[in-house]
Amino acid sequence: MLHKNTYFICELILRWRLIMLKKGWVIGLMLARICVSSQSVLGMESKSDKCIITENNTDEIVSFLNENVKENLNYNDEAAEQWKYLVAKGYIYMDSDGHLKLQQVEDGIEALSLDIYRKQLDNWNLGLDLHVLEWDEKAKMLYTPEITADVLDNVTDILLENEADNAEPLEDISRGIAHNCNYAKWNIGTTCAQNYNIIKKFYNSLLVAQQPNSGVNPWLSTATYWVGFVREGGAWDYKVQKNYQTFCCTFGGVSGQDRSAEWIGNYNYGYTGKFLFDLNTLHMGSYVVSGMDPKDKTTDWPAIDKGYSHAP
């Protein structure tokens, strides 16, 4: 039976695709096809009440994730008390734009602790903008909300609006590379390492937030954030972003390798996805989104495997 995280990656990426589709009959057809296919893969009875993937099963997604957080940070009583003090004194507050702010603190709070909070504010505010984090005004605490189609849609919009900040332009990362093929140069090893670090930095910032905010689920919020990049049409869907071109690539310490933009997207999917998922989960996510096409194992998985093996 597939790991529970596999359900999540398949469902979440599929939801991205559903959000982008406008015709109701297409959505219904896709849901029916994936539902039946999933039952077959999972060895489940073919009954509607046993269907894993439905249009409104976000409760199941959240329960799967809450049971399978990759890493939990021990609750830090000192950090929690410090947070409560800063909030009570009005040092940490939410402004009219819905962003957290930290005022100048003159009390006897350790400067190092305050510096950690300041460094993470931008990431927390990004999480608030994406609605992968929410602020409980009554409790004065951050928490990870339930994932819904509206949340995913919002992540899509914001990430694509800021695509230039999230994905470094090709011309800025392709200079000075020795090569022996005749296509535009691209050091995809550097690109994927930068992308990986974007995910890692966001996750680590939520670990800091989790210390005094026990309702924050770093893995769930970060996984949603990651899917926003790699989904169809996302900033890291390179076959679309680079218009199906072929490039002369450097990766794994070797230059002069000609690879298609689609291959590069799969390599990046495996490379960055390793931070959140095991390889089998990434395989099945790709397989299900392809419509259970057996060719996916030979066309996409080798690039996914290569990226996964090259990731930290």
Protein backbone atom coordinates (compact mmCIF):
# COMPACT_ATOMS: atom_id res chain seq x y z
CA MET A 1 0.00 0.00 0.00
CA LEU A 2 1.24 3.49 -0.79
CA HIS A 3 2.59 5.70 1.98
CA LYS A 4 0.15 8.32 3.24
CA ASN A 5 2.40 11.11 1.98
CA THR A 6 1.88 9.70 -1.53
CA TYR A 7 -1.83 10.44 -1.23
CA PHE A 8 -0.95 14.00 -0.33
CA ILE A 9 1.43 14.77 -3.17
CA CYS A 10 -0.91 13.19 -5.74
CA GLU A 11 -3.95 14.97 -4.36
CA LEU A 12 -2.28 18.33 -3.92
CA ILE A 13 -0.78 18.43 -7.42
CA LEU A 14 -4.08 17.27 -8.88
CA ARG A 15 -5.87 20.06 -7.06
CA TRP A 16 -3.53 22.55 -8.72
CA ARG A 17 -4.58 21.16 -12.07
CA LEU A 18 -8.26 21.29 -11.17
CA ILE A 19 -7.97 24.90 -10.11
CA MET A 20 -6.52 25.78 -13.51
CA LEU A 21 -9.28 23.97 -15.42
CA LYS A 22 -12.49 25.89 -16.09
CA LYS A 23 -14.90 23.33 -17.55
CA GLY A 24 -16.82 21.36 -14.93
CA TRP A 25 -17.08 18.21 -17.06
CA VAL A 26 -13.31 18.08 -17.39
CA ILE A 27 -12.94 18.30 -13.60
CA GLY A 28 -15.50 15.58 -13.08
CA LEU A 29 -13.87 13.30 -15.64
CA MET A 30 -10.43 13.77 -14.11
CA LEU A 31 -11.69 13.11 -10.59
CA ALA A 32 -13.49 9.97 -11.70
CA ARG A 33 -10.48 8.68 -13.62
CA ILE A 34 -8.02 9.37 -10.80
CA CYS A 35 -10.39 7.96 -8.19
CA VAL A 36 -10.82 4.66 -10.03
CA SER A 37 -7.11 4.46 -10.84
CA SER A 38 -6.18 5.14 -7.22
CA GLN A 39 -8.50 2.39 -6.04
CA SER A 40 -6.80 -0.01 -8.40
CA VAL A 41 -3.31 0.96 -7.25
CA LEU A 42 -4.29 0.84 -3.59
CA GLY A 43 -6.10 -2.47 -3.93
CA MET A 44 -9.31 -0.90 -2.60
CA GLU A 45 -12.90 -1.90 -3.20
CA SER A 46 -14.48 0.01 -6.05
CA LYS A 47 -17.14 1.79 -3.98
CA SER A 48 -17.77 5.53 -3.98
CA ASP A 49 -17.50 5.77 -0.19
CA LYS A 50 -14.07 4.15 -0.34
CA CYS A 51 -12.64 6.58 -2.91
CA ILE A 52 -9.49 8.25 -1.63
CA ILE A 53 -9.49 11.26 -3.97
CA THR A 54 -12.63 13.35 -4.07
CA GLU A 55 -13.37 16.99 -4.70
CA ASN A 56 -13.86 17.80 -1.02
CA ASN A 57 -11.50 15.61 0.99
CA THR A 58 -9.22 18.25 2.47
CA ASP A 59 -9.95 16.82 5.94
CA GLU A 60 -8.27 13.58 4.90
CA ILE A 61 -5.27 15.44 3.49
CA VAL A 62 -4.80 17.37 6.71
CA SER A 63 -5.14 14.25 8.88
CA PHE A 64 -2.60 12.40 6.70
CA LEU A 65 -0.15 15.25 7.03
CA ASN A 66 -0.61 15.79 10.73
CA GLU A 67 0.26 12.14 11.25
CA ASN A 68 3.30 12.31 8.97
CA VAL A 69 5.17 15.50 9.72
CA LYS A 70 8.77 14.87 8.67
CA GLU A 71 10.32 16.60 11.67
CA ASN A 72 8.95 17.87 14.96
CA LEU A 73 10.73 20.47 17.04
CA ASN A 74 10.57 19.96 20.79
CA TYR A 75 8.32 22.55 22.33
CA ASN A 76 10.47 25.24 23.88
CA ASP A 77 8.90 26.65 27.05
CA GLU A 78 11.37 29.54 27.24
CA ALA A 79 10.69 30.58 23.64
CA ALA A 80 6.96 30.29 24.24
CA GLU A 81 7.10 32.49 27.33
CA GLN A 82 9.26 35.01 25.50
CA TRP A 83 6.79 35.14 22.60
CA LYS A 84 3.86 35.64 24.98
CA TYR A 85 5.71 38.47 26.71
CA LEU A 86 6.58 40.24 23.45
CA VAL A 87 3.00 39.93 22.22
CA ALA A 88 1.50 41.06 25.53
CA LYS A 89 3.72 44.14 25.52
CA GLY A 90 2.79 44.93 21.91
CA TYR A 91 6.31 44.36 20.58
CA ILE A 92 5.01 41.72 18.15
CA TYR A 93 1.83 42.85 16.44
CA MET A 94 -0.07 42.62 13.16
CA ASP A 95 -0.25 45.78 11.06
CA SER A 96 -3.09 46.96 8.86
CA ASP A 97 -1.65 45.02 5.89
CA GLY A 98 -1.91 41.74 7.76
CA HIS A 99 1.83 41.41 8.38
CA LEU A 100 3.65 40.71 11.63
CA LYS A 101 5.95 43.44 12.90
CA LEU A 102 8.51 43.51 15.70
CA GLN A 103 9.07 46.88 17.37
CA GLN A 104 12.31 47.97 18.99
CA VAL A 105 12.55 46.13 22.31
CA GLU A 106 14.22 47.82 25.24
CA ASP A 107 13.44 45.23 27.90
CA GLY A 108 15.82 42.50 29.02
CA ILE A 109 15.18 40.11 26.13
CA GLU A 110 18.27 38.43 24.72
CA ALA A 111 19.42 40.23 21.58
CA LEU A 112 20.15 36.89 19.87
CA SER A 113 16.56 35.71 20.31
CA LEU A 114 15.20 38.96 18.93
CA ASP A 115 17.54 38.77 15.96
CA ILE A 116 16.23 35.27 15.16
CA TYR A 117 12.65 36.57 15.18
CA ARG A 118 13.56 39.53 12.95
CA LYS A 119 15.31 37.30 10.41
CA GLN A 120 12.24 35.08 10.09
CA LEU A 121 9.56 37.77 9.84
CA ASP A 122 9.72 38.00 6.04
CA ASN A 123 9.13 34.26 5.69
CA TRP A 124 6.28 34.27 8.20
CA ASN A 125 4.66 37.18 6.42
CA LEU A 126 5.03 35.34 3.10
CA GLY A 127 3.27 32.40 4.75
CA LEU A 128 0.49 34.75 5.86
CA ASP A 129 0.19 36.16 2.33
CA LEU A 130 -0.05 32.64 0.91
CA HIS A 131 -2.50 31.57 3.65
CA VAL A 132 -0.31 28.61 4.52
CA LEU A 133 -0.06 30.41 7.88
CA GLU A 134 -2.81 32.25 9.72
CA TRP A 135 -2.85 34.56 12.74
CA ASP A 136 -5.22 33.91 15.63
CA GLU A 137 -5.94 37.43 16.89
CA LYS A 138 -7.56 36.20 20.10
CA ALA A 139 -4.76 33.81 21.06
CA LYS A 140 -2.08 36.01 19.45
CA MET A 141 -0.51 32.97 17.82
CA LEU A 142 0.38 31.66 14.38
CA TYR A 143 -1.04 28.38 13.15
CA THR A 144 -1.20 26.27 9.97
CA PRO A 145 -4.74 26.27 8.55
CA GLU A 146 -6.52 23.47 6.77
CA ILE A 147 -5.50 23.21 3.14
CA THR A 148 -8.34 24.06 0.75
CA ALA A 149 -8.64 24.76 -2.96
CA ASP A 150 -8.80 28.49 -2.16
CA VAL A 151 -5.50 28.29 -0.28
CA LEU A 152 -3.85 26.49 -3.20
CA ASP A 153 -5.26 29.00 -5.67
CA ASN A 154 -3.86 31.85 -3.59
CA VAL A 155 -0.42 30.24 -3.42
CA THR A 156 -0.44 29.91 -7.21
CA ASP A 157 -1.30 33.56 -7.77
CA ILE A 158 1.29 34.97 -5.38
CA LEU A 159 4.13 32.71 -6.48
CA LEU A 160 3.53 33.48 -10.14
CA GLU A 161 3.27 37.22 -9.41
CA ASN A 162 6.71 36.98 -7.80
CA GLU A 163 8.19 34.49 -10.24
CA ALA A 164 11.16 36.72 -11.01
CA ASP A 165 12.13 36.61 -7.34
CA ASN A 166 11.62 32.88 -6.98
CA ALA A 167 13.32 31.51 -10.08
CA GLU A 168 16.60 33.08 -11.15
CA PRO A 169 16.58 34.16 -14.83
CA LEU A 170 18.49 31.89 -17.18
CA GLU A 171 20.88 34.57 -18.34
CA ASP A 172 22.07 35.21 -14.78
CA ILE A 173 23.14 31.62 -14.15
CA SER A 174 24.54 30.50 -17.50
CA ARG A 175 27.72 32.49 -17.96
CA GLY A 176 31.20 31.08 -18.12
CA ILE A 177 30.27 27.40 -18.40
CA ALA A 178 32.50 25.22 -20.55
CA HIS A 179 30.42 23.18 -22.96
CA ASN A 180 30.59 21.15 -26.13
CA CYS A 181 26.96 21.20 -27.24
CA ASN A 182 25.28 23.87 -29.35
CA TYR A 183 22.39 24.95 -27.13
CA ALA A 184 22.01 27.81 -24.64
CA LYS A 185 24.05 27.11 -21.49
CA TRP A 186 22.36 26.45 -18.15
CA ASN A 187 23.95 25.35 -14.88
CA ILE A 188 20.91 23.49 -13.61
CA GLY A 189 22.92 22.15 -10.67
CA THR A 190 23.18 25.72 -9.39
CA THR A 191 19.52 26.45 -10.16
CA CYS A 192 18.26 23.37 -8.31
CA ALA A 193 20.52 24.02 -5.32
CA GLN A 194 19.09 27.55 -5.11
CA ASN A 195 15.54 26.21 -5.41
CA TYR A 196 16.24 23.61 -2.73
CA ASN A 197 17.50 26.32 -0.42
CA ILE A 198 14.32 28.37 -0.97
CA ILE A 199 12.29 25.41 0.33
CA LYS A 200 14.72 24.69 3.16
CA LYS A 201 14.82 28.33 4.29
CA PHE A 202 11.02 28.53 4.36
CA TYR A 203 10.76 25.29 6.33
CA ASN A 204 13.43 26.31 8.84
CA SER A 205 11.70 29.64 9.44
CA LEU A 206 8.54 27.74 10.34
CA LEU A 207 10.48 25.57 12.79
CA VAL A 208 11.38 28.81 14.58
CA ALA A 209 7.73 29.88 14.47
CA GLN A 210 6.64 26.49 15.82
CA GLN A 211 8.59 26.89 19.08
CA PRO A 212 6.16 29.41 20.61
CA ASN A 213 3.28 28.63 18.22
CA SER A 214 2.46 24.96 18.66
CA GLY A 215 -0.28 25.12 16.00
CA VAL A 216 2.27 25.70 13.24
CA ASN A 217 2.92 22.62 11.09
CA PRO A 218 6.18 23.37 9.21
CA TRP A 219 5.97 20.34 6.93
CA LEU A 220 2.39 20.91 5.82
CA SER A 221 2.88 24.61 5.07
CA THR A 222 6.17 24.01 3.26
CA ALA A 223 4.80 21.12 1.18
CA THR A 224 1.97 23.35 -0.02
CA TYR A 225 4.50 26.08 -0.81
CA TRP A 226 6.66 23.60 -2.79
CA VAL A 227 3.72 22.33 -4.86
CA GLY A 228 3.05 25.94 -5.86
CA PHE A 229 6.41 25.95 -7.63
CA VAL A 230 6.43 22.51 -9.28
CA ARG A 231 2.78 22.24 -10.31
CA GLU A 232 1.73 22.52 -13.96
CA GLY A 233 2.35 26.11 -15.02
CA GLY A 234 4.27 26.92 -11.83
CA ALA A 235 7.53 28.83 -11.70
CA TRP A 236 9.51 25.57 -11.71
CA ASP A 237 7.53 23.89 -14.50
CA TYR A 238 10.45 24.48 -16.84
CA LYS A 239 8.98 22.77 -19.89
CA VAL A 240 6.37 25.56 -19.93
CA GLN A 241 8.52 28.38 -18.56
CA LYS A 242 11.30 27.67 -21.10
CA ASN A 243 8.91 26.78 -23.96
CA TYR A 244 10.11 23.18 -24.38
CA GLN A 245 13.64 24.24 -25.37
CA THR A 246 16.76 22.11 -25.16
CA PHE A 247 19.74 23.38 -23.17
CA CYS A 248 23.41 22.62 -22.76
CA CYS A 249 23.44 21.80 -19.06
CA THR A 250 25.88 21.51 -16.21
CA PHE A 251 24.91 19.31 -13.27
CA GLY A 252 26.51 16.63 -11.14
CA GLY A 253 29.90 18.21 -11.83
CA VAL A 254 29.65 17.56 -15.59
CA SER A 255 29.09 20.20 -18.28
CA GLY A 256 28.04 19.90 -21.92
CA GLN A 257 24.97 17.71 -21.33
CA ASP A 258 22.05 18.42 -23.65
CA ARG A 259 18.72 18.12 -21.84
CA SER A 260 15.16 19.21 -22.64
CA ALA A 261 13.31 21.70 -20.47
CA GLU A 262 10.90 18.89 -19.53
CA TRP A 263 13.81 16.74 -18.32
CA ILE A 264 15.15 19.71 -16.33
CA GLY A 265 11.75 20.19 -14.68
CA ASN A 266 11.68 16.54 -13.61
CA TYR A 267 15.26 16.76 -12.35
CA ASN A 268 14.36 19.82 -10.27
CA TYR A 269 11.19 18.05 -9.03
CA GLY A 270 13.30 15.18 -7.70
CA TYR A 271 16.04 17.44 -6.37
CA THR A 272 13.82 19.86 -4.45
CA GLY A 273 11.19 17.26 -3.56
CA LYS A 274 13.77 15.24 -1.64
CA PHE A 275 13.57 17.78 1.17
CA LEU A 276 9.94 16.78 1.83
CA PHE A 277 9.26 13.35 0.36
CA ASP A 278 10.89 9.97 -0.17
CA LEU A 279 11.64 8.83 -3.72
CA ASN A 280 8.73 6.39 -3.95
CA THR A 281 6.30 9.18 -3.05
CA LEU A 282 7.77 11.44 -5.73
CA HIS A 283 7.52 8.61 -8.27
CA MET A 284 3.87 7.99 -7.50
CA GLY A 285 3.06 11.70 -7.52
CA SER A 286 4.47 11.93 -11.04
CA TYR A 287 2.77 8.68 -12.09
CA VAL A 288 -0.69 9.66 -10.90
CA VAL A 289 -0.53 13.16 -12.39
CA SER A 290 0.45 11.59 -15.72
CA GLY A 291 -2.86 9.71 -15.64
CA MET A 292 -1.18 6.41 -14.69
CA ASP A 293 0.65 6.41 -18.02
CA PRO A 294 3.20 3.54 -17.91
CA LYS A 295 5.53 5.65 -20.06
CA ASP A 296 6.01 7.96 -17.06
CA LYS A 297 8.32 5.37 -15.52
CA THR A 298 10.69 5.53 -18.49
CA THR A 299 10.29 9.17 -19.56
CA ASP A 300 10.11 11.05 -16.23
CA TRP A 301 11.41 8.82 -13.45
CA PRO A 302 15.06 8.66 -14.61
CA ALA A 303 15.35 12.47 -14.39
CA ILE A 304 13.53 12.48 -11.05
CA ASP A 305 15.93 9.81 -9.78
CA LYS A 306 18.95 11.77 -10.96
CA GLY A 307 17.79 14.96 -9.26
CA TYR A 308 16.95 13.08 -6.08
CA SER A 309 20.40 11.44 -6.01
CA HIS A 310 22.17 14.78 -6.51
CA ALA A 311 20.23 16.60 -3.77
CA PRO A 312 21.72 16.99 -0.26
